[in-house]
Every structure is written in C-alpha cells, then in structure tokens.
Amino acid sequence: MKVVIVNRQRTRKINLRLLKKITGGLLAGLEIENAELGVNLVAETEMILLNEAFLRHRGSTDVITFDYSSAERGVRSAESRLHGEIFVCVDEAIRQAKKFGATWQLEIVRYIIHGILHLLGHDDSRPAARRKMKREENRWLSRLSRRFSLAQLARATKLGA
C-alpha cells in the first residue's frame, strides 16, 4: 500500500504524518491492501482551477477525486486495486466547519473518506445514493475519530511531515 500526502496550501499547518496514519487506518478498516493513493491539500485558488478545468464547474468545491484504476464501474470489492488521487480544499473545509459547527480537521478527514468511497465506486449523484454515501462517511468518521485525535492534525511536526 502506498499513500502520499502533499500539502500545497498555506492556510493551515497540518500534521501530514498523522493524516497519513488516519488515511492508512481508513484503508485498513476498509480491508484495502492494494492501494496507490495521492492526497493533495490545496488552497481555494488551485481548487477553482481544477474544478473548472476537469469538471467544467465554476468556482471551488470541497473535494475532487480522480480514479486511475482500470476497474469497471460500480462498487469495487476491497480486494481490487485502488489507484487514484484526491484533492482536498482546506479553505472549503474551514468554511464548511464553521457552517456546520465542526472542526476543519474533521472536515478534511471527511473529504478524504468521501474521495476514497468514490474510488470504491460509490456515487452521490442521486439523492438516495447521496444519503447512503453520507451515512457511510459518518460511520467511518466516527470510527476514525475514536481511534485518532483529529484535533492534532492542526499541530504540524517540526519537519512538516
């Protein structure tokens, strides 16, 4: 399993080492053993460019997922190879956290969960599927929150990794 997390924003200092452990914990919990995953933490300006260039949507968004696997459409089994890249907008996480009375750290983890669920084939384009995916996000967020101190994501290590 290979997980690479890159911080491409300057809005918040983030403990990348802990975020990698949390992401690895999620993948292990999902019983995904064969993964190649990139997670990019970006600012709003970069997310706007990505959203407009690749999805043809105006403005920013919270998370964008690119699936690089050759697996067929539909929900994949955990045994299949997970290969993709997730872009998380830290500025949007801060906004959404204020709106919903949460923390930006929790929102960042939620976006990573959301992206990985997309890579597993979950779809949120229809209301019923969106509700199902949200329940799954909440379930994993609860599990990860019990296992890891999400607040410590705000404490970057001296080396920044």
Foldseek 3Di string as FASTA:
>chain_A
DAEAEEEADDPAQFAVVQVVVLLVVLLVVLVADAEHEYEYEHEQVVQQVCCCPPVVDHGHDAKDKDFPDPDDAAQARSDDYQYIYMYGHLVVLCVVCVVVVHHSLLSRLLRSLLRVRVSRRQDCPDPVSVVVSVVVSVVSSVVSVVVDVSVCRRPYDPVSD
